[in-house]
PDB file of N, CA and C in Angstrom:
ATOM      1  N   MET A   1     144.316 122.555  98.514  1.00  0.00           N
ATOM      2  CA  MET A   1     143.593 123.780  98.236  1.00  0.00           C
ATOM      3  C   MET A   1     143.783 124.211  96.783  1.00  0.00           C
ATOM      4  N   THR A   2     145.015 124.095  96.292  1.00  0.00           N
ATOM      5  CA  THR A   2     145.247 124.535  94.919  1.00  0.00           C
ATOM      6  C   THR A   2     144.536 123.629  93.921  1.00  0.00           C
ATOM      7  N   THR A   3     144.542 122.330  94.188  1.00  0.00           N
ATOM      8  CA  THR A   3     143.866 121.408  93.285  1.00  0.00           C
ATOM      9  C   THR A   3     142.364 121.652  93.302  1.00  0.00           C
ATOM     10  N   ALA A   4     141.805 121.852  94.488  1.00  0.00           N
ATOM     11  CA  ALA A   4     140.363 122.104  94.597  1.00  0.00           C
ATOM     12  C   ALA A   4     139.980 123.412  93.905  1.00  0.00           C
ATOM     13  N   SER A   5     140.784 124.456  94.086  1.00  0.00           N
ATOM     14  CA  SER A   5     140.469 125.720  93.418  1.00  0.00           C
ATOM     15  C   SER A   5     140.649 125.597  91.904  1.00  0.00           C
ATOM     16  N   ASN A   6     141.631 124.819  91.463  1.00  0.00           N
ATOM     17  CA  ASN A   6     141.816 124.582  90.033  1.00  0.00           C
ATOM     18  C   ASN A   6     140.591 123.893  89.441  1.00  0.00           C
ATOM     19  N   TRP A   7     140.095 122.867  90.106  1.00  0.00           N
ATOM     20  CA  TRP A   7     138.904 122.164  89.624  1.00  0.00           C
ATOM     21  C   TRP A   7     137.706 123.110  89.594  1.00  0.00           C
ATOM     22  N   LEU A   8     137.549 123.886  90.643  1.00  0.00           N
ATOM     23  CA  LEU A   8     136.407 124.800  90.728  1.00  0.00           C
ATOM     24  C   LEU A   8     136.448 125.840  89.603  1.00  0.00           C
ATOM     25  N   LEU A   9     137.608 126.433  89.376  1.00  0.00           N
ATOM     26  CA  LEU A   9     137.720 127.438  88.322  1.00  0.00           C
ATOM     27  C   LEU A   9     137.598 126.826  86.931  1.00  0.00           C
ATOM     28  N   ASN A  10     138.116 125.628  86.730  1.00  0.00           N
ATOM     29  CA  ASN A  10     137.927 124.952  85.441  1.00  0.00           C
ATOM     30  C   ASN A  10     136.451 124.675  85.187  1.00  0.00           C
ATOM     31  N   TRP A  11     135.738 124.250  86.214  1.00  0.00           N
ATOM     32  CA  TRP A  11     134.305 124.019  86.069  1.00  0.00           C
ATOM     33  C   TRP A  11     133.591 125.328  85.746  1.00  0.00           C
ATOM     34  N   ALA A  12     133.949 126.425  86.437  1.00  0.00           N
ATOM     35  CA  ALA A  12     133.297 127.715  86.204  1.00  0.00           C
ATOM     36  C   ALA A  12     133.537 128.201  84.775  1.00  0.00           C
ATOM     37  N   ILE A  13     134.733 128.041  84.273  1.00  0.00           N
ATOM     38  CA  ILE A  13     135.043 128.450  82.893  1.00  0.00           C
ATOM     39  C   ILE A  13     134.260 127.597  81.901  1.00  0.00           C
ATOM     40  N   ALA A  14     134.250 126.286  82.113  1.00  0.00           N
ATOM     41  CA  ALA A  14     133.527 125.392  81.203  1.00  0.00           C
ATOM     42  C   ALA A  14     132.031 125.649  81.256  1.00  0.00           C
ATOM     43  N   TYR A  15     131.515 126.016  82.405  1.00  0.00           N
ATOM     44  CA  TYR A  15     130.082 126.289  82.553  1.00  0.00           C
ATOM     45  C   TYR A  15     129.701 127.630  81.930  1.00  0.00           C
ATOM     46  N   ALA A  16     130.556 128.640  82.079  1.00  0.00           N
ATOM     47  CA  ALA A  16     130.225 130.002  81.635  1.00  0.00           C
ATOM     48  C   ALA A  16     130.468 130.227  80.155  1.00  0.00           C
ATOM     49  N   THR A  17     131.426 129.539  79.567  1.00  0.00           N
ATOM     50  CA  THR A  17     131.810 129.813  78.183  1.00  0.00           C
ATOM     51  C   THR A  17     130.654 129.657  77.190  1.00  0.00           C
ATOM     52  N   PRO A  18     129.872 128.599  77.250  1.00  0.00           N
ATOM     53  CA  PRO A  18     128.754 128.515  76.283  1.00  0.00           C
ATOM     54  C   PRO A  18     127.790 129.705  76.389  1.00  0.00           C
ATOM     55  N   TYR A  19     127.524 130.175  77.583  1.00  0.00           N
ATOM     56  CA  TYR A  19     126.622 131.316  77.743  1.00  0.00           C
ATOM     57  C   TYR A  19     127.256 132.605  77.215  1.00  0.00           C
ATOM     58  N   MET A  20     128.578 132.691  77.278  1.00  0.00           N
ATOM     59  CA  MET A  20     129.265 133.877  76.784  1.00  0.00           C
ATOM     60  C   MET A  20     129.356 133.865  75.252  1.00  0.00           C
ATOM     61  N   VAL A  21     129.406 132.696  74.647  1.00  0.00           N
ATOM     62  CA  VAL A  21     129.626 132.576  73.206  1.00  0.00           C
ATOM     63  C   VAL A  21     128.308 132.522  72.429  1.00  0.00           C
ATOM     64  N   ASP A  22     127.344 131.784  72.924  1.00  0.00           N
ATOM     65  CA  ASP A  22     126.094 131.556  72.185  1.00  0.00           C
ATOM     66  C   ASP A  22     125.252 132.819  72.076  1.00  0.00           C
ATOM     67  N   GLU A  23     124.416 132.834  71.040  1.00  0.00           N
ATOM     68  CA  GLU A  23     123.477 133.945  70.893  1.00  0.00           C
ATOM     69  C   GLU A  23     122.106 133.501  71.379  1.00  0.00           C
ATOM     70  N   GLY A  24     121.255 134.453  71.637  1.00  0.00           N
ATOM     71  CA  GLY A  24     119.907 134.160  72.092  1.00  0.00           C
ATOM     72  C   GLY A  24     119.647 134.825  73.425  1.00  0.00           C
ATOM     73  N   PRO A  25     118.405 134.705  73.903  1.00  0.00           N
ATOM     74  CA  PRO A  25     118.064 135.354  75.178  1.00  0.00           C
ATOM     75  C   PRO A  25     118.832 134.719  76.342  1.00  0.00           C
ATOM     76  N   GLY A  26     119.374 135.545  77.203  1.00  0.00           N
ATOM     77  CA  GLY A  26     120.128 135.071  78.362  1.00  0.00           C
ATOM     78  C   GLY A  26     121.582 134.760  78.058  1.00  0.00           C
ATOM     79  N   ASN A  27     122.012 134.949  76.826  1.00  0.00           N
ATOM     80  CA  ASN A  27     123.397 134.694  76.444  1.00  0.00           C
ATOM     81  C   ASN A  27     124.079 136.009  76.054  1.00  0.00           C
ATOM     82  N   ALA A  28     125.388 136.050  76.174  1.00  0.00           N
ATOM     83  CA  ALA A  28     126.137 137.275  75.915  1.00  0.00           C
ATOM     84  C   ALA A  28     126.427 137.484  74.435  1.00  0.00           C
ATOM     85  N   ASN A  29     126.410 136.419  73.642  1.00  0.00           N
ATOM     86  CA  ASN A  29     126.652 136.494  72.204  1.00  0.00           C
ATOM     87  C   ASN A  29     127.998 137.156  71.880  1.00  0.00           C
ATOM     88  N   LEU A  30     129.029 136.801  72.612  1.00  0.00           N
ATOM     89  CA  LEU A  30     130.354 137.360  72.333  1.00  0.00           C
ATOM     90  C   LEU A  30     131.035 136.665  71.155  1.00  0.00           C
ATOM     91  N   GLN A  31     130.694 135.429  70.913  1.00  0.00           N
ATOM     92  CA  GLN A  31     131.292 134.605  69.870  1.00  0.00           C
ATOM     93  C   GLN A  31     132.818 134.652  69.963  1.00  0.00           C
ATOM     94  N   ALA A  32     133.513 135.076  68.910  1.00  0.00           N
ATOM     95  CA  ALA A  32     134.980 135.064  68.927  1.00  0.00           C
ATOM     96  C   ALA A  32     135.558 136.134  69.844  1.00  0.00           C
ATOM     97  N   LYS A  33     134.752 137.124  70.214  1.00  0.00           N
ATOM     98  CA  LYS A  33     135.234 138.190  71.099  1.00  0.00           C
ATOM     99  C   LYS A  33     135.471 137.695  72.532  1.00  0.00           C
ATOM    100  N   VAL A  34     135.042 136.470  72.826  1.00  0.00           N
ATOM    101  CA  VAL A  34     135.292 135.905  74.147  1.00  0.00           C
ATOM    102  C   VAL A  34     136.796 135.793  74.397  1.00  0.00           C
ATOM    103  N   PHE A  35     137.582 135.785  73.306  1.00  0.00           N
ATOM    104  CA  PHE A  35     139.042 135.771  73.427  1.00  0.00           C
ATOM    105  C   PHE A  35     139.533 136.929  74.290  1.00  0.00           C
ATOM    106  N   PHE A  36     138.943 138.104  74.143  1.00  0.00           N
ATOM    107  CA  PHE A  36     139.403 139.276  74.881  1.00  0.00           C
ATOM    108  C   PHE A  36     139.186 139.115  76.384  1.00  0.00           C
ATOM    109  N   VAL A  37     138.140 138.402  76.757  1.00  0.00           N
ATOM    110  CA  VAL A  37     137.909 138.123  78.188  1.00  0.00           C
ATOM    111  C   VAL A  37     139.019 137.219  78.709  1.00  0.00           C
ATOM    112  N   TRP A  38     139.238 136.074  78.043  1.00  0.00           N
ATOM    113  CA  TRP A  38     140.243 135.120  78.519  1.00  0.00           C
ATOM    114  C   TRP A  38     141.652 135.667  78.321  1.00  0.00           C
ATOM    115  N   GLY A  39     141.903 136.388  77.243  1.00  0.00           N
ATOM    116  CA  GLY A  39     143.213 137.014  77.022  1.00  0.00           C
ATOM    117  C   GLY A  39     143.521 138.065  78.083  1.00  0.00           C
ATOM    118  N   GLY A  40     142.499 138.842  78.461  1.00  0.00           N
ATOM    119  CA  GLY A  40     142.676 139.833  79.534  1.00  0.00           C
ATOM    120  C   GLY A  40     143.048 139.171  80.849  1.00  0.00           C
ATOM    121  N   PHE A  41     142.377 138.055  81.148  1.00  0.00           N
ATOM    122  CA  PHE A  41     142.714 137.322  82.369  1.00  0.00           C
ATOM    123  C   PHE A  41     144.134 136.762  82.310  1.00  0.00           C
ATOM    124  N   CYS A  42     144.576 136.352  81.136  1.00  0.00           N
ATOM    125  CA  CYS A  42     145.954 135.856  80.998  1.00  0.00           C
ATOM    126  C   CYS A  42     146.962 136.953  81.317  1.00  0.00           C
ATOM    127  N   PHE A  43     146.709 138.180  80.845  1.00  0.00           N
ATOM    128  CA  PHE A  43     147.620 139.280  81.155  1.00  0.00           C
ATOM    129  C   PHE A  43     147.598 139.623  82.640  1.00  0.00           C
ATOM    130  N   ILE A  44     146.452 139.514  83.275  1.00  0.00           N
ATOM    131  CA  ILE A  44     146.378 139.723  84.729  1.00  0.00           C
ATOM    132  C   ILE A  44     147.198 138.659  85.448  1.00  0.00           C
ATOM    133  N   CYS A  45     147.116 137.420  84.967  1.00  0.00           N
ATOM    134  CA  CYS A  45     147.888 136.330  85.581  1.00  0.00           C
ATOM    135  C   CYS A  45     149.388 136.533  85.393  1.00  0.00           C
ATOM    136  N   ILE A  46     149.793 137.024  84.234  1.00  0.00           N
ATOM    137  CA  ILE A  46     151.213 137.295  83.992  1.00  0.00           C
ATOM    138  C   ILE A  46     151.720 138.343  84.977  1.00  0.00           C
ATOM    139  N   ALA A  47     150.951 139.403  85.155  1.00  0.00           N
ATOM    140  CA  ALA A  47     151.341 140.453  86.104  1.00  0.00           C
ATOM    141  C   ALA A  47     151.393 139.908  87.529  1.00  0.00           C
ATOM    142  N   PHE A  48     150.420 139.074  87.897  1.00  0.00           N
ATOM    143  CA  PHE A  48     150.403 138.484  89.232  1.00  0.00           C
ATOM    144  C   PHE A  48     151.658 137.657  89.476  1.00  0.00           C
ATOM    145  N   VAL A  49     152.021 136.811  88.530  1.00  0.00           N
ATOM    146  CA  VAL A  49     153.201 135.961  88.690  1.00  0.00           C
ATOM    147  C   VAL A  49     154.458 136.817  88.801  1.00  0.00           C
ATOM    148  N   TYR A  50     154.597 137.828  87.970  1.00  0.00           N
ATOM    149  CA  TYR A  50     155.799 138.662  87.986  1.00  0.00           C
ATOM    150  C   TYR A  50     155.945 139.408  89.309  1.00  0.00           C
ATOM    151  N   PHE A  51     154.854 139.939  89.824  1.00  0.00           N
ATOM    152  CA  PHE A  51     154.930 140.778  91.020  1.00  0.00           C
ATOM    153  C   PHE A  51     154.785 140.012  92.333  1.00  0.00           C
ATOM    154  N   MET A  52     154.254 138.797  92.306  1.00  0.00           N
ATOM    155  CA  MET A  52     153.923 138.121  93.559  1.00  0.00           C
ATOM    156  C   MET A  52     154.630 136.782  93.799  1.00  0.00           C
ATOM    157  N   ILE A  53     155.105 136.111  92.756  1.00  0.00           N
ATOM    158  CA  ILE A  53     155.667 134.772  92.910  1.00  0.00           C
ATOM    159  C   ILE A  53     157.194 134.851  92.873  1.00  0.00           C
ATOM    160  N   TYR A  54     157.839 134.386  93.935  1.00  0.00           N
ATOM    161  CA  TYR A  54     159.300 134.404  94.038  1.00  0.00           C
ATOM    162  C   TYR A  54     159.904 133.273  93.218  1.00  0.00           C
ATOM    163  N   GLU A  55     161.094 133.511  92.654  1.00  0.00           N
ATOM    164  CA  GLU A  55     161.831 132.489  91.904  1.00  0.00           C
ATOM    165  C   GLU A  55     162.581 131.605  92.896  1.00  0.00           C
ATOM    166  N   THR A  56     162.235 130.328  92.961  1.00  0.00           N
ATOM    167  CA  THR A  56     162.857 129.411  93.921  1.00  0.00           C
ATOM    168  C   THR A  56     163.571 128.249  93.231  1.00  0.00           C
ATOM    169  N   LYS A  57     163.807 128.357  91.929  1.00  0.00           N
ATOM    170  CA  LYS A  57     164.446 127.269  91.187  1.00  0.00           C
ATOM    171  C   LYS A  57     165.842 126.987  91.742  1.00  0.00           C
ATOM    172  N   GLY A  58     166.100 125.720  92.051  1.00  0.00           N
ATOM    173  CA  GLY A  58     167.421 125.294  92.492  1.00  0.00           C
ATOM    174  C   GLY A  58     167.735 125.587  93.947  1.00  0.00           C
ATOM    175  N   LEU A  59     166.757 126.057  94.730  1.00  0.00           N
ATOM    176  CA  LEU A  59     167.007 126.379  96.136  1.00  0.00           C
ATOM    177  C   LEU A  59     166.425 125.299  97.037  1.00  0.00           C
ATOM    178  N   SER A  60     167.118 125.015  98.135  1.00  0.00           N
ATOM    179  CA  SER A  60     166.576 124.103  99.135  1.00  0.00           C
ATOM    180  C   SER A  60     165.525 124.843  99.960  1.00  0.00           C
ATOM    181  N   LEU A  61     164.801 124.127 100.774  1.00  0.00           N
ATOM    182  CA  LEU A  61     163.777 124.762 101.606  1.00  0.00           C
ATOM    183  C   LEU A  61     164.379 125.806 102.538  1.00  0.00           C
ATOM    184  N   GLU A  62     165.553 125.518 103.074  1.00  0.00           N
ATOM    185  CA  GLU A  62     166.208 126.461 103.971  1.00  0.00           C
ATOM    186  C   GLU A  62     166.627 127.721 103.224  1.00  0.00           C
ATOM    187  N   GLN A  63     167.090 127.548 101.995  1.00  0.00           N
ATOM    188  CA  GLN A  63     167.480 128.701 101.195  1.00  0.00           C
ATOM    189  C   GLN A  63     166.259 129.518 100.785  1.00  0.00           C
ATOM    190  N   VAL A  64     165.111 128.863 100.603  1.00  0.00           N
ATOM    191  CA  VAL A  64     163.873 129.589 100.324  1.00  0.00           C
ATOM    192  C   VAL A  64     163.491 130.432 101.535  1.00  0.00           C
ATOM    193  N   ASP A  65     163.669 129.885 102.747  1.00  0.00           N
ATOM    194  CA  ASP A  65     163.432 130.679 103.962  1.00  0.00           C
ATOM    195  C   ASP A  65     164.315 131.921 103.973  1.00  0.00           C
ATOM    196  N   GLU A  66     165.580 131.745 103.640  1.00  0.00           N
ATOM    197  CA  GLU A  66     166.513 132.868 103.595  1.00  0.00           C
ATOM    198  C   GLU A  66     166.092 133.872 102.518  1.00  0.00           C
ATOM    199  N   LEU A  67     165.639 133.369 101.381  1.00  0.00           N
ATOM    200  CA  LEU A  67     165.165 134.235 100.299  1.00  0.00           C
ATOM    201  C   LEU A  67     164.031 135.123 100.772  1.00  0.00           C
ATOM    202  N   TYR A  68     163.039 134.528 101.449  1.00  0.00           N
ATOM    203  CA  TYR A  68     161.889 135.309 101.926  1.00  0.00           C
ATOM    204  C   TYR A  68     162.291 136.314 102.993  1.00  0.00           C
ATOM    205  N   LEU A  69     163.334 136.000 103.772  1.00  0.00           N
ATOM    206  CA  LEU A  69     163.790 136.946 104.787  1.00  0.00           C
ATOM    207  C   LEU A  69     164.554 138.125 104.182  1.00  0.00           C
ATOM    208  N   LYS A  70     165.303 137.886 103.112  1.00  0.00           N
ATOM    209  CA  LYS A  70     166.215 138.903 102.593  1.00  0.00           C
ATOM    210  C   LYS A  70     165.685 139.695 101.401  1.00  0.00           C
ATOM    211  N   VAL A  71     164.798 139.108 100.618  1.00  0.00           N
ATOM    212  CA  VAL A  71     164.327 139.764  99.397  1.00  0.00           C
ATOM    213  C   VAL A  71     162.893 140.237  99.620  1.00  0.00           C
ATOM    214  N   GLY A  72     162.707 141.531  99.486  1.00  0.00           N
ATOM    215  CA  GLY A  72     161.400 142.106  99.765  1.00  0.00           C
ATOM    216  C   GLY A  72     160.429 142.078  98.606  1.00  0.00           C
ATOM    217  N   LYS A  73     160.912 142.008  97.395  1.00  0.00           N
ATOM    218  CA  LYS A  73     160.053 142.067  96.211  1.00  0.00           C
ATOM    219  C   LYS A  73     160.284 140.819  95.368  1.00  0.00           C
ATOM    220  N   ALA A  74     159.202 140.232  94.878  1.00  0.00           N
ATOM    221  CA  ALA A  74     159.300 138.982  94.120  1.00  0.00           C
ATOM    222  C   ALA A  74     160.125 139.149  92.855  1.00  0.00           C
ATOM    223  N   TRP A  75     160.011 140.278  92.179  1.00  0.00           N
ATOM    224  CA  TRP A  75     160.741 140.463  90.918  1.00  0.00           C
ATOM    225  C   TRP A  75     162.234 140.627  91.149  1.00  0.00           C
ATOM    226  N   GLN A  76     162.681 140.806  92.398  1.00  0.00           N
ATOM    227  CA  GLN A  76     164.098 140.893  92.705  1.00  0.00           C
ATOM    228  C   GLN A  76     164.690 139.548  93.121  1.00  0.00           C
ATOM    229  N   SER A  77     163.864 138.522  93.189  1.00  0.00           N
ATOM    230  CA  SER A  77     164.316 137.231  93.710  1.00  0.00           C
ATOM    231  C   SER A  77     165.169 136.444  92.721  1.00  0.00           C
ATOM    232  N   LYS A  78     165.118 136.773  91.443  1.00  0.00           N
ATOM    233  CA  LYS A  78     165.882 135.999  90.456  1.00  0.00           C
ATOM    234  C   LYS A  78     167.382 136.098  90.694  1.00  0.00           C
ATOM    235  N   GLY A  79     167.871 137.245  91.173  1.00  0.00           N
ATOM    236  CA  GLY A  79     169.295 137.421  91.405  1.00  0.00           C
ATOM    237  C   GLY A  79     169.759 137.005  92.791  1.00  0.00           C
ATOM    238  N   PHE A  80     168.896 136.381  93.588  1.00  0.00           N
ATOM    239  CA  PHE A  80     169.251 135.994  94.955  1.00  0.00           C
ATOM    240  C   PHE A  80     170.280 134.873  94.950  1.00  0.00           C
ATOM    241  N   VAL A  81     171.323 135.041  95.783  1.00  0.00           N
ATOM    242  CA  VAL A  81     172.340 134.008  95.973  1.00  0.00           C
ATOM    243  C   VAL A  81     172.408 133.725  97.471  1.00  0.00           C
ATOM    244  N   PRO A  82     172.133 132.487  97.895  1.00  0.00           N
ATOM    245  CA  PRO A  82     172.179 132.179  99.327  1.00  0.00           C
ATOM    246  C   PRO A  82     173.593 132.337  99.875  1.00  0.00           C
ATOM    247  N   THR A  83     173.681 132.782 101.131  1.00  0.00           N
ATOM    248  CA  THR A  83     174.997 133.041 101.719  1.00  0.00           C
ATOM    249  C   THR A  83     175.581 131.819 102.407  1.00  0.00           C
ATOM    250  N   VAL A  84     174.782 131.116 103.139  1.00  0.00           N
ATOM    251  CA  VAL A  84     175.271 129.920 103.832  1.00  0.00           C
ATOM    252  C   VAL A  84     174.289 128.786 103.612  1.00  0.00           C
ATOM    253  N   SER A  85     174.771 127.577 103.770  1.00  0.00           N
ATOM    254  CA  SER A  85     173.899 126.416 103.628  1.00  0.00           C
ATOM    255  C   SER A  85     173.235 126.112 104.970  1.00  0.00           C
ATOM    256  N   PHE A  86     172.209 125.304 104.915  1.00  0.00           N
ATOM    257  CA  PHE A  86     171.517 124.897 106.131  1.00  0.00           C
ATOM    258  C   PHE A  86     172.470 124.159 107.056  1.00  0.00           C
ATOM    259  N   GLN A  87     173.347 123.354 106.485  1.00  0.00           N
ATOM    260  CA  GLN A  87     174.281 122.584 107.314  1.00  0.00           C
ATOM    261  C   GLN A  87     175.209 123.496 108.089  1.00  0.00           C
ATOM    262  N   ASP A  88     175.678 124.583 107.474  1.00  0.00           N
ATOM    263  CA  ASP A  88     176.537 125.541 108.180  1.00  0.00           C
ATOM    264  C   ASP A  88     175.805 126.139 109.376  1.00  0.00           C
ATOM    265  N   VAL A  89     174.575 126.547 109.175  1.00  0.00           N
ATOM    266  CA  VAL A  89     173.781 127.143 110.255  1.00  0.00           C
ATOM    267  C   VAL A  89     173.508 126.102 111.334  1.00  0.00           C
ATOM    268  N   GLN A  90     173.205 124.876 110.914  1.00  0.00           N
ATOM    269  CA  GLN A  90     172.921 123.806 111.875  1.00  0.00           C
ATOM    270  C   GLN A  90     174.152 123.490 112.718  1.00  0.00           C
ATOM    271  N   ASP A  91     175.340 123.489 112.111  1.00  0.00           N
ATOM    272  CA  ASP A  91     176.579 123.226 112.856  1.00  0.00           C
ATOM    273  C   ASP A  91     176.801 124.286 113.929  1.00  0.00           C
ATOM    274  N   VAL A  92     176.586 125.539 113.586  1.00  0.00           N
ATOM    275  CA  VAL A  92     176.757 126.622 114.556  1.00  0.00           C
ATOM    276  C   VAL A  92     175.725 126.497 115.669  1.00  0.00           C
ATOM    277  N   ALA A  93     174.490 126.181 115.312  1.00  0.00           N
ATOM    278  CA  ALA A  93     173.438 126.044 116.312  1.00  0.00           C
ATOM    279  C   ALA A  93     173.746 124.891 117.260  1.00  0.00           C
ATOM    280  N   ASP A  94     174.269 123.788 116.716  1.00  0.00           N
ATOM    281  CA  ASP A  94     174.598 122.640 117.559  1.00  0.00           C
ATOM    282  C   ASP A  94     175.775 122.950 118.485  1.00  0.00           C
ATOM    283  N   GLU A  95     176.777 123.674 117.979  1.00  0.00           N
ATOM    284  CA  GLU A  95     177.949 124.006 118.790  1.00  0.00           C
ATOM    285  C   GLU A  95     177.593 124.945 119.942  1.00  0.00           C
ATOM    286  N   ASN A  96     176.775 125.922 119.664  1.00  0.00           N
ATOM    287  CA  ASN A  96     176.457 126.946 120.662  1.00  0.00           C
ATOM    288  C   ASN A  96     175.189 126.654 121.442  1.00  0.00           C
ATOM    289  N   GLY A  97     174.482 125.610 121.078  1.00  0.00           N
ATOM    290  CA  GLY A  97     173.195 125.365 121.711  1.00  0.00           C
ATOM    291  C   GLY A  97     172.277 126.558 121.490  1.00  0.00           C
ATOM    292  N   ALA A  98     172.320 127.111 120.310  1.00  0.00           N
ATOM    293  CA  ALA A  98     171.693 128.398 120.030  1.00  0.00           C
ATOM    294  C   ALA A  98     170.306 128.256 119.427  1.00  0.00           C
ATOM    295  N   ARG A  99     169.476 127.462 120.018  1.00  0.00           N
ATOM    296  CA  ARG A  99     168.125 127.289 119.503  1.00  0.00           C
ATOM    297  C   ARG A  99     167.305 128.572 119.597  1.00  0.00           C
ATOM    298  N   LYS A 100     167.635 129.463 120.543  1.00  0.00           N
ATOM    299  CA  LYS A 100     166.844 130.664 120.758  1.00  0.00           C
ATOM    300  C   LYS A 100     167.335 131.846 119.922  1.00  0.00           C
ATOM    301  N   ASN A 101     168.443 131.685 119.212  1.00  0.00           N
ATOM    302  CA  ASN A 101     168.946 132.766 118.381  1.00  0.00           C
ATOM    303  C   ASN A 101     168.113 132.900 117.109  1.00  0.00           C
ATOM    304  N   SER A 102     168.138 134.080 116.529  1.00  0.00           N
ATOM    305  CA  SER A 102     167.430 134.287 115.274  1.00  0.00           C
ATOM    306  C   SER A 102     168.238 133.693 114.125  1.00  0.00           C
ATOM    307  N   LEU A 103     167.589 133.528 112.999  1.00  0.00           N
ATOM    308  CA  LEU A 103     168.268 132.998 111.827  1.00  0.00           C
ATOM    309  C   LEU A 103     169.409 133.918 111.401  1.00  0.00           C
ATOM    310  N   THR A 104     169.217 135.225 111.556  1.00  0.00           N
ATOM    311  CA  THR A 104     170.256 136.187 111.188  1.00  0.00           C
ATOM    312  C   THR A 104     171.491 136.007 112.063  1.00  0.00           C
ATOM    313  N   ASP A 105     171.293 135.825 113.381  1.00  0.00           N
ATOM    314  CA  ASP A 105     172.427 135.610 114.289  1.00  0.00           C
ATOM    315  C   ASP A 105     173.171 134.319 113.937  1.00  0.00           C
ATOM    316  N   LEU A 106     172.417 133.264 113.667  1.00  0.00           N
ATOM    317  CA  LEU A 106     173.039 131.988 113.310  1.00  0.00           C
ATOM    318  C   LEU A 106     173.790 132.105 111.980  1.00  0.00           C
ATOM    319  N   GLU A 107     173.197 132.826 111.026  1.00  0.00           N
ATOM    320  CA  GLU A 107     173.853 133.004 109.731  1.00  0.00           C
ATOM    321  C   GLU A 107     175.150 133.791 109.884  1.00  0.00           C
ATOM    322  N   ASN A 108     175.134 134.846 110.689  1.00  0.00           N
ATOM    323  CA  ASN A 108     176.354 135.638 110.914  1.00  0.00           C
ATOM    324  C   ASN A 108     177.442 134.799 111.571  1.00  0.00           C
ATOM    325  N   ALA A 109     177.055 133.989 112.550  1.00  0.00           N
ATOM    326  CA  ALA A 109     178.028 133.121 113.218  1.00  0.00           C
ATOM    327  C   ALA A 109     178.598 132.093 112.237  1.00  0.00           C
ATOM    328  N   ALA A 110     177.734 131.549 111.373  1.00  0.00           N
ATOM    329  CA  ALA A 110     178.206 130.576 110.379  1.00  0.00           C
ATOM    330  C   ALA A 110     179.156 131.236 109.389  1.00  0.00           C
ATOM    331  N   MET A 111     178.875 132.478 108.994  1.00  0.00           N
ATOM    332  CA  MET A 111     179.773 133.204 108.075  1.00  0.00           C
ATOM    333  C   MET A 111     181.129 133.469 108.739  1.00  0.00           C
ATOM    334  N   ARG A 112     181.125 133.837 110.031  1.00  0.00           N
ATOM    335  CA  ARG A 112     182.390 134.047 110.752  1.00  0.00           C
ATOM    336  C   ARG A 112     183.188 132.752 110.808  1.00  0.00           C
ATOM    337  N   LYS A 113     182.496 131.652 111.087  1.00  0.00           N
ATOM    338  CA  LYS A 113     183.168 130.359 111.164  1.00  0.00           C
ATOM    339  C   LYS A 113     183.768 129.988 109.811  1.00  0.00           C
ATOM    340  N   LYS A 114     183.035 130.240 108.724  1.00  0.00           N
ATOM    341  CA  LYS A 114     183.542 129.953 107.392  1.00  0.00           C
ATOM    342  C   LYS A 114     184.782 130.779 107.076  1.00  0.00           C
ATOM    343  N   SER A 115     184.754 132.068 107.430  1.00  0.00           N
ATOM    344  CA  SER A 115     185.895 132.929 107.122  1.00  0.00           C
ATOM    345  C   SER A 115     187.115 132.532 107.943  1.00  0.00           C
ATOM    346  N   VAL A 116     186.928 132.114 109.191  1.00  0.00           N
ATOM    347  CA  VAL A 116     188.047 131.663 110.022  1.00  0.00           C
ATOM    348  C   VAL A 116     188.643 130.391 109.435  1.00  0.00           C
ATOM    349  N   GLN A 117     187.787 129.457 109.012  1.00  0.00           N
ATOM    350  CA  GLN A 117     188.281 128.223 108.412  1.00  0.00           C
ATOM    351  C   GLN A 117     189.035 128.520 107.119  1.00  0.00           C
ATOM    352  N   HIS A 118     188.532 129.467 106.336  1.00  0.00           N
ATOM    353  CA  HIS A 118     189.203 129.841 105.090  1.00  0.00           C
ATOM    354  C   HIS A 118     190.591 130.436 105.380  1.00  0.00           C
ATOM    355  N   GLU A 119     190.691 131.290 106.389  1.00  0.00           N
ATOM    356  CA  GLU A 119     191.968 131.885 106.748  1.00  0.00           C
ATOM    357  C   GLU A 119     192.952 130.816 107.238  1.00  0.00           C
ATOM    358  N   GLU A 120     192.472 129.839 108.015  1.00  0.00           N
ATOM    359  CA  GLU A 120     193.339 128.768 108.500  1.00  0.00           C
ATOM    360  C   GLU A 120     193.882 127.945 107.336  1.00  0.00           C
ATOM    361  N   ILE A 121     193.047 127.680 106.359  1.00  0.00           N
ATOM    362  CA  ILE A 121     193.486 126.902 105.189  1.00  0.00           C
ATOM    363  C   ILE A 121     194.530 127.682 104.416  1.00  0.00           C
ATOM    364  N   MET A 122     194.305 128.980 104.264  1.00  0.00           N
ATOM    365  CA  MET A 122     195.264 129.821 103.533  1.00  0.00           C
ATOM    366  C   MET A 122     196.609 129.873 104.248  1.00  0.00           C
ATOM    367  N   HIS A 123     196.611 129.942 105.610  1.00  0.00           N
ATOM    368  CA  HIS A 123     197.858 129.959 106.357  1.00  0.00           C
ATOM    369  C   HIS A 123     198.597 128.632 106.234  1.00  0.00           C
ATOM    370  N   GLU A 124     197.853 127.525 106.176  1.00  0.00           N
ATOM    371  CA  GLU A 124     198.475 126.199 106.032  1.00  0.00           C
ATOM    372  C   GLU A 124     199.150 126.059 104.677  1.00  0.00           C
ATOM    373  N   LYS A 125     198.557 126.638 103.646  1.00  0.00           N
ATOM    374  CA  LYS A 125     199.103 126.553 102.285  1.00  0.00           C
ATOM    375  C   LYS A 125     200.374 127.392 102.169  1.00  0.00           C
ATOM    376  N   VAL A 126     200.461 128.484 102.933  1.00  0.00           N
ATOM    377  CA  VAL A 126     201.625 129.381 102.848  1.00  0.00           C
ATOM    378  C   VAL A 126     202.721 128.767 103.620  1.00  0.00           C
TER     379      VAL A 126
END
């Protein structure tokens, strides 16, 4: 879909630009002022990306799921830090047979398991 829409919009821009730039009947005769049309669209695109597109750099698919569940606004997604890995959640789900639990329940159980393991390691070191 994205590739098809990209091709369609590229064709529309290439088709419309000569009519916007050229002078004569049926043409807009904008000449160099056509920059303001395309520049305006660029600023609209910048605003769209800032407000609508979440930052997913360096995240696995499971962490992206967690991001969408926990972060309500796209501009707040840059500071997101995942709490548990997919493997932690999968281990808890496999142990409890918890296929019907929500992701939040599985995440909480995985966090409890991690904290218990951390405490056991600390007691062994002491």
